[in-house]
């Protein structure tokens, strides 16, 4: 009888371990995440301890994956895109935005070589000129997409890398920055 209990217990443990998915393992304990931490340390001088502390606060976002998996594949025609994105309200908002932020837009144009109107247009598409802002912690989105979304993990690891560099450069609080589903 005792042997049966031991075998049952071992079987239960093995079954429990095999049922764990990557999402159930804390990011700070995952080999792929620790490789990323090593890369950030070696390439950019980030302190491993600080990065692991930050990453330990990241939580897997199933909602992010659900939304990303619903994204349509393929391309959209200009006619369809224009119908969705160009309206009198958006044109008016764009003109107002450009007038209000002309100095900043011209500075960005000088730095990046991208016309101010293009920068303003992208801001309009992504945020409706500041009216639509994300409500998901960028760290959570980017960790989920970098390490639990194989289809585009390479792209999102680069985005996570850039986010951490930008946060360090600009003194942003990475624990509090909110953004879109895709971490923007």
C-alpha atoms as a PDB file:
ATOM      1  CA  UNK A   1       0.000   0.000   0.000  1.00  0.00           C
ATOM      2  CA  UNK A   2       2.814   2.391   0.868  1.00  0.00           C
ATOM      3  CA  UNK A   3       4.463   1.709  -2.515  1.00  0.00           C
ATOM      4  CA  UNK A   4       1.175   2.563  -4.275  1.00  0.00           C
ATOM      5  CA  UNK A   5       0.977   5.907  -2.419  1.00  0.00           C
ATOM      6  CA  UNK A   6       4.553   6.785  -3.378  1.00  0.00           C
ATOM      7  CA  UNK A   7       3.968   5.928  -7.055  1.00  0.00           C
ATOM      8  CA  UNK A   8       0.705   7.917  -7.029  1.00  0.00           C
ATOM      9  CA  UNK A   9       2.446  10.896  -5.453  1.00  0.00           C
ATOM     10  CA  UNK A  10       5.312  10.818  -7.985  1.00  0.00           C
ATOM     11  CA  UNK A  11       2.833  10.498 -10.865  1.00  0.00           C
ATOM     12  CA  UNK A  12       0.877  13.466  -9.545  1.00  0.00           C
ATOM     13  CA  UNK A  13       4.028  15.594  -9.330  1.00  0.00           C
ATOM     14  CA  UNK A  14       5.133  14.667 -12.861  1.00  0.00           C
ATOM     15  CA  UNK A  15       1.660  15.372 -14.216  1.00  0.00           C
ATOM     16  CA  UNK A  16       1.537  18.733 -12.421  1.00  0.00           C
ATOM     17  CA  UNK A  17       4.900  19.775 -13.814  1.00  0.00           C
ATOM     18  CA  UNK A  18       3.971  18.738 -17.347  1.00  0.00           C
ATOM     19  CA  UNK A  19       0.756  20.765 -17.155  1.00  0.00           C
ATOM     20  CA  UNK A  20       2.632  23.958 -16.368  1.00  0.00           C
ATOM     21  CA  UNK A  21       2.766  26.227 -19.364  1.00  0.00           C
ATOM     22  CA  UNK A  22       5.337  28.929 -20.002  1.00  0.00           C
ATOM     23  CA  UNK A  23       2.808  31.503 -18.779  1.00  0.00           C
ATOM     24  CA  UNK A  24       2.697  29.794 -15.378  1.00  0.00           C
ATOM     25  CA  UNK A  25       6.428  30.221 -14.851  1.00  0.00           C
ATOM     26  CA  UNK A  26       7.485  33.644 -13.641  1.00  0.00           C
ATOM     27  CA  UNK A  27       9.410  35.544 -16.266  1.00  0.00           C
ATOM     28  CA  UNK A  28      12.405  35.974 -13.958  1.00  0.00           C
ATOM     29  CA  UNK A  29      12.777  32.175 -13.789  1.00  0.00           C
ATOM     30  CA  UNK A  30      12.708  31.484 -17.528  1.00  0.00           C
ATOM     31  CA  UNK A  31      15.914  30.657 -19.400  1.00  0.00           C
ATOM     32  CA  UNK A  32      14.917  32.684 -22.482  1.00  0.00           C
ATOM     33  CA  UNK A  33      14.266  35.754 -20.334  1.00  0.00           C
ATOM     34  CA  UNK A  34      17.549  35.350 -18.473  1.00  0.00           C
ATOM     35  CA  UNK A  35      19.326  35.199 -21.863  1.00  0.00           C
ATOM     36  CA  UNK A  36      17.688  38.529 -22.705  1.00  0.00           C
ATOM     37  CA  UNK A  37      18.851  39.971 -19.359  1.00  0.00           C
ATOM     38  CA  UNK A  38      22.407  38.794 -20.100  1.00  0.00           C
ATOM     39  CA  UNK A  39      22.270  40.412 -23.542  1.00  0.00           C
ATOM     40  CA  UNK A  40      21.046  43.745 -22.087  1.00  0.00           C
ATOM     41  CA  UNK A  41      23.832  43.606 -19.505  1.00  0.00           C
ATOM     42  CA  UNK A  42      26.589  42.708 -21.980  1.00  0.00           C
ATOM     43  CA  UNK A  43      25.481  44.989 -24.817  1.00  0.00           C
ATOM     44  CA  UNK A  44      24.238  48.045 -22.888  1.00  0.00           C
ATOM     45  CA  UNK A  45      25.574  47.747 -19.351  1.00  0.00           C
ATOM     46  CA  UNK A  46      22.231  47.254 -17.608  1.00  0.00           C
ATOM     47  CA  UNK A  47      22.566  45.902 -14.083  1.00  0.00           C
ATOM     48  CA  UNK A  48      21.312  42.299 -14.083  1.00  0.00           C
ATOM     49  CA  UNK A  49      19.887  42.604 -10.574  1.00  0.00           C
ATOM     50  CA  UNK A  50      17.831  45.675 -11.505  1.00  0.00           C
ATOM     51  CA  UNK A  51      16.530  44.111 -14.722  1.00  0.00           C
ATOM     52  CA  UNK A  52      15.540  40.899 -12.959  1.00  0.00           C
ATOM     53  CA  UNK A  53      13.794  42.960 -10.280  1.00  0.00           C
ATOM     54  CA  UNK A  54      11.881  44.844 -12.983  1.00  0.00           C
ATOM     55  CA  UNK A  55      11.048  41.702 -14.959  1.00  0.00           C
ATOM     56  CA  UNK A  56       9.803  39.964 -11.811  1.00  0.00           C
ATOM     57  CA  UNK A  57       6.950  42.505 -11.747  1.00  0.00           C
ATOM     58  CA  UNK A  58       5.857  41.693 -15.316  1.00  0.00           C
ATOM     59  CA  UNK A  59       2.700  39.659 -15.682  1.00  0.00           C
ATOM     60  CA  UNK A  60       1.610  37.527 -18.607  1.00  0.00           C
ATOM     61  CA  UNK A  61      -1.263  39.204 -20.477  1.00  0.00           C
ATOM     62  CA  UNK A  62      -3.562  36.643 -22.129  1.00  0.00           C
ATOM     63  CA  UNK A  63      -5.692  39.509 -23.455  1.00  0.00           C
ATOM     64  CA  UNK A  64      -2.706  40.856 -25.396  1.00  0.00           C
ATOM     65  CA  UNK A  65      -2.290  37.514 -27.170  1.00  0.00           C
ATOM     66  CA  UNK A  66      -6.029  37.224 -27.882  1.00  0.00           C
ATOM     67  CA  UNK A  67      -6.064  40.645 -29.549  1.00  0.00           C
ATOM     68  CA  UNK A  68      -2.832  40.030 -31.470  1.00  0.00           C
ATOM     69  CA  UNK A  69      -4.136  36.700 -32.752  1.00  0.00           C
ATOM     70  CA  UNK A  70      -7.249  38.429 -34.114  1.00  0.00           C
ATOM     71  CA  UNK A  71      -5.175  40.763 -36.288  1.00  0.00           C
ATOM     72  CA  UNK A  72      -6.047  40.311 -39.956  1.00  0.00           C
ATOM     73  CA  UNK A  73      -3.354  38.853 -42.166  1.00  0.00           C
ATOM     74  CA  UNK A  74      -2.472  40.379 -45.481  1.00  0.00           C
ATOM     75  CA  UNK A  75      -2.715  43.871 -46.845  1.00  0.00           C
ATOM     76  CA  UNK A  76      -5.453  46.446 -47.025  1.00  0.00           C
ATOM     77  CA  UNK A  77      -6.253  48.456 -50.117  1.00  0.00           C
ATOM     78  CA  UNK A  78      -5.731  52.228 -50.021  1.00  0.00           C
ATOM     79  CA  UNK A  79      -9.459  52.743 -50.618  1.00  0.00           C
ATOM     80  CA  UNK A  80     -10.411  50.653 -47.557  1.00  0.00           C
ATOM     81  CA  UNK A  81      -7.690  52.225 -45.409  1.00  0.00           C
ATOM     82  CA  UNK A  82      -8.655  55.765 -46.435  1.00  0.00           C
ATOM     83  CA  UNK A  83     -12.293  55.002 -45.663  1.00  0.00           C
ATOM     84  CA  UNK A  84     -11.289  53.901 -42.153  1.00  0.00           C
ATOM     85  CA  UNK A  85      -8.682  56.538 -41.346  1.00  0.00           C
ATOM     86  CA  UNK A  86      -9.454  59.775 -43.196  1.00  0.00           C
ATOM     87  CA  UNK A  87     -12.342  61.929 -42.011  1.00  0.00           C
ATOM     88  CA  UNK A  88     -13.117  65.620 -41.674  1.00  0.00           C
ATOM     89  CA  UNK A  89     -12.719  65.335 -37.892  1.00  0.00           C
ATOM     90  CA  UNK A  90      -9.308  63.698 -38.210  1.00  0.00           C
ATOM     91  CA  UNK A  91      -8.133  66.295 -40.757  1.00  0.00           C
ATOM     92  CA  UNK A  92      -9.261  69.123 -38.461  1.00  0.00           C
ATOM     93  CA  UNK A  93      -7.606  67.454 -35.456  1.00  0.00           C
ATOM     94  CA  UNK A  94      -4.405  67.007 -37.460  1.00  0.00           C
ATOM     95  CA  UNK A  95      -4.247  70.652 -38.470  1.00  0.00           C
ATOM     96  CA  UNK A  96      -4.900  71.740 -34.882  1.00  0.00           C
ATOM     97  CA  UNK A  97      -2.234  69.343 -33.592  1.00  0.00           C
ATOM     98  CA  UNK A  98       0.349  70.617 -36.089  1.00  0.00           C
ATOM     99  CA  UNK A  99      -0.393  74.228 -35.144  1.00  0.00           C
ATOM    100  CA  UNK A 100      -0.135  73.444 -31.423  1.00  0.00           C
ATOM    101  CA  UNK A 101       3.072  71.404 -31.669  1.00  0.00           C
ATOM    102  CA  UNK A 102       4.803  72.987 -34.674  1.00  0.00           C
ATOM    103  CA  UNK A 103       8.029  73.697 -32.738  1.00  0.00           C
ATOM    104  CA  UNK A 104       8.299  70.128 -31.414  1.00  0.00           C
ATOM    105  CA  UNK A 105       7.410  68.603 -34.780  1.00  0.00           C
ATOM    106  CA  UNK A 106      10.029  70.709 -36.580  1.00  0.00           C
ATOM    107  CA  UNK A 107      12.636  69.666 -34.021  1.00  0.00           C
ATOM    108  CA  UNK A 108      11.728  66.000 -34.590  1.00  0.00           C
ATOM    109  CA  UNK A 109      11.936  66.561 -38.354  1.00  0.00           C
ATOM    110  CA  UNK A 110      15.435  68.021 -37.960  1.00  0.00           C
ATOM    111  CA  UNK A 111      16.572  65.135 -35.760  1.00  0.00           C
ATOM    112  CA  UNK A 112      15.022  62.209 -37.660  1.00  0.00           C
ATOM    113  CA  UNK A 113      14.722  63.591 -41.182  1.00  0.00           C
ATOM    114  CA  UNK A 114      11.027  62.699 -41.340  1.00  0.00           C
ATOM    115  CA  UNK A 115       8.635  65.464 -42.405  1.00  0.00           C
ATOM    116  CA  UNK A 116       6.646  66.948 -39.516  1.00  0.00           C
ATOM    117  CA  UNK A 117       3.373  66.176 -41.317  1.00  0.00           C
ATOM    118  CA  UNK A 118       4.250  62.473 -41.516  1.00  0.00           C
ATOM    119  CA  UNK A 119       5.106  62.392 -37.808  1.00  0.00           C
ATOM    120  CA  UNK A 120       1.819  64.151 -37.006  1.00  0.00           C
ATOM    121  CA  UNK A 121      -0.078  61.712 -39.246  1.00  0.00           C
ATOM    122  CA  UNK A 122       1.377  58.719 -37.428  1.00  0.00           C
ATOM    123  CA  UNK A 123       0.455  60.269 -34.074  1.00  0.00           C
ATOM    124  CA  UNK A 124      -3.054  60.772 -35.455  1.00  0.00           C
ATOM    125  CA  UNK A 125      -3.354  57.159 -36.563  1.00  0.00           C
ATOM    126  CA  UNK A 126      -1.916  55.711 -33.368  1.00  0.00           C
ATOM    127  CA  UNK A 127      -3.563  57.982 -30.771  1.00  0.00           C
ATOM    128  CA  UNK A 128      -6.138  60.178 -32.515  1.00  0.00           C
ATOM    129  CA  UNK A 129      -3.833  63.075 -31.596  1.00  0.00           C
ATOM    130  CA  UNK A 130      -3.631  62.109 -27.952  1.00  0.00           C
ATOM    131  CA  UNK A 131      -7.296  61.278 -27.389  1.00  0.00           C
ATOM    132  CA  UNK A 132      -6.723  57.530 -27.345  1.00  0.00           C
ATOM    133  CA  UNK A 133      -4.084  56.295 -24.959  1.00  0.00           C
ATOM    134  CA  UNK A 134      -3.218  52.793 -23.892  1.00  0.00           C
ATOM    135  CA  UNK A 135      -4.082  51.401 -20.497  1.00  0.00           C
ATOM    136  CA  UNK A 136      -1.834  48.357 -20.334  1.00  0.00           C
ATOM    137  CA  UNK A 137       1.569  48.439 -18.717  1.00  0.00           C
ATOM    138  CA  UNK A 138       4.074  48.504 -21.585  1.00  0.00           C
ATOM    139  CA  UNK A 139       6.393  46.148 -19.720  1.00  0.00           C
ATOM    140  CA  UNK A 140       3.625  43.522 -19.409  1.00  0.00           C
ATOM    141  CA  UNK A 141       2.662  43.794 -23.090  1.00  0.00           C
ATOM    142  CA  UNK A 142       6.212  43.644 -24.376  1.00  0.00           C
ATOM    143  CA  UNK A 143       7.231  40.779 -22.077  1.00  0.00           C
ATOM    144  CA  UNK A 144       4.172  38.779 -23.151  1.00  0.00           C
ATOM    145  CA  UNK A 145       4.791  39.446 -26.840  1.00  0.00           C
ATOM    146  CA  UNK A 146       8.559  38.915 -26.609  1.00  0.00           C
ATOM    147  CA  UNK A 147       8.441  35.606 -24.794  1.00  0.00           C
ATOM    148  CA  UNK A 148       4.965  34.113 -25.346  1.00  0.00           C
ATOM    149  CA  UNK A 149       4.117  35.094 -28.929  1.00  0.00           C
ATOM    150  CA  UNK A 150       6.478  33.027 -31.101  1.00  0.00           C
ATOM    151  CA  UNK A 151       5.138  34.342 -34.403  1.00  0.00           C
ATOM    152  CA  UNK A 152       6.596  37.827 -33.783  1.00  0.00           C
ATOM    153  CA  UNK A 153       8.822  37.312 -30.737  1.00  0.00           C
ATOM    154  CA  UNK A 154      11.958  38.496 -32.533  1.00  0.00           C
ATOM    155  CA  UNK A 155      10.306  41.815 -33.446  1.00  0.00           C
ATOM    156  CA  UNK A 156       8.922  42.379 -29.948  1.00  0.00           C
ATOM    157  CA  UNK A 157      12.237  41.551 -28.243  1.00  0.00           C
ATOM    158  CA  UNK A 158      13.724  44.408 -30.250  1.00  0.00           C
ATOM    159  CA  UNK A 159      10.822  46.604 -29.119  1.00  0.00           C
ATOM    160  CA  UNK A 160      11.420  45.577 -25.486  1.00  0.00           C
ATOM    161  CA  UNK A 161      15.120  46.340 -25.880  1.00  0.00           C
ATOM    162  CA  UNK A 162      14.312  49.772 -27.349  1.00  0.00           C
ATOM    163  CA  UNK A 163      11.747  50.471 -24.614  1.00  0.00           C
ATOM    164  CA  UNK A 164      14.292  49.746 -21.881  1.00  0.00           C
ATOM    165  CA  UNK A 165      16.914  51.908 -23.590  1.00  0.00           C
ATOM    166  CA  UNK A 166      14.450  54.772 -24.077  1.00  0.00           C
ATOM    167  CA  UNK A 167      13.274  54.519 -20.472  1.00  0.00           C
ATOM    168  CA  UNK A 168      16.859  54.701 -19.218  1.00  0.00           C
ATOM    169  CA  UNK A 169      17.724  57.600 -21.534  1.00  0.00           C
ATOM    170  CA  UNK A 170      14.583  59.610 -20.719  1.00  0.00           C
ATOM    171  CA  UNK A 171      14.366  58.660 -17.033  1.00  0.00           C
ATOM    172  CA  UNK A 172      10.962  56.993 -17.482  1.00  0.00           C
ATOM    173  CA  UNK A 173       9.494  54.856 -14.737  1.00  0.00           C
ATOM    174  CA  UNK A 174       9.267  51.482 -16.480  1.00  0.00           C
ATOM    175  CA  UNK A 175       6.976  50.223 -13.733  1.00  0.00           C
ATOM    176  CA  UNK A 176       4.304  52.776 -14.649  1.00  0.00           C
ATOM    177  CA  UNK A 177       4.484  53.467 -18.405  1.00  0.00           C
ATOM    178  CA  UNK A 178       1.161  52.537 -20.028  1.00  0.00           C
ATOM    179  CA  UNK A 179       0.549  51.854 -23.691  1.00  0.00           C
ATOM    180  CA  UNK A 180      -1.389  49.883 -26.240  1.00  0.00           C
ATOM    181  CA  UNK A 181      -1.844  46.138 -26.588  1.00  0.00           C
ATOM    182  CA  UNK A 182       1.295  46.061 -28.749  1.00  0.00           C
ATOM    183  CA  UNK A 183       3.306  48.100 -26.251  1.00  0.00           C
ATOM    184  CA  UNK A 184       3.223  51.361 -28.181  1.00  0.00           C
END
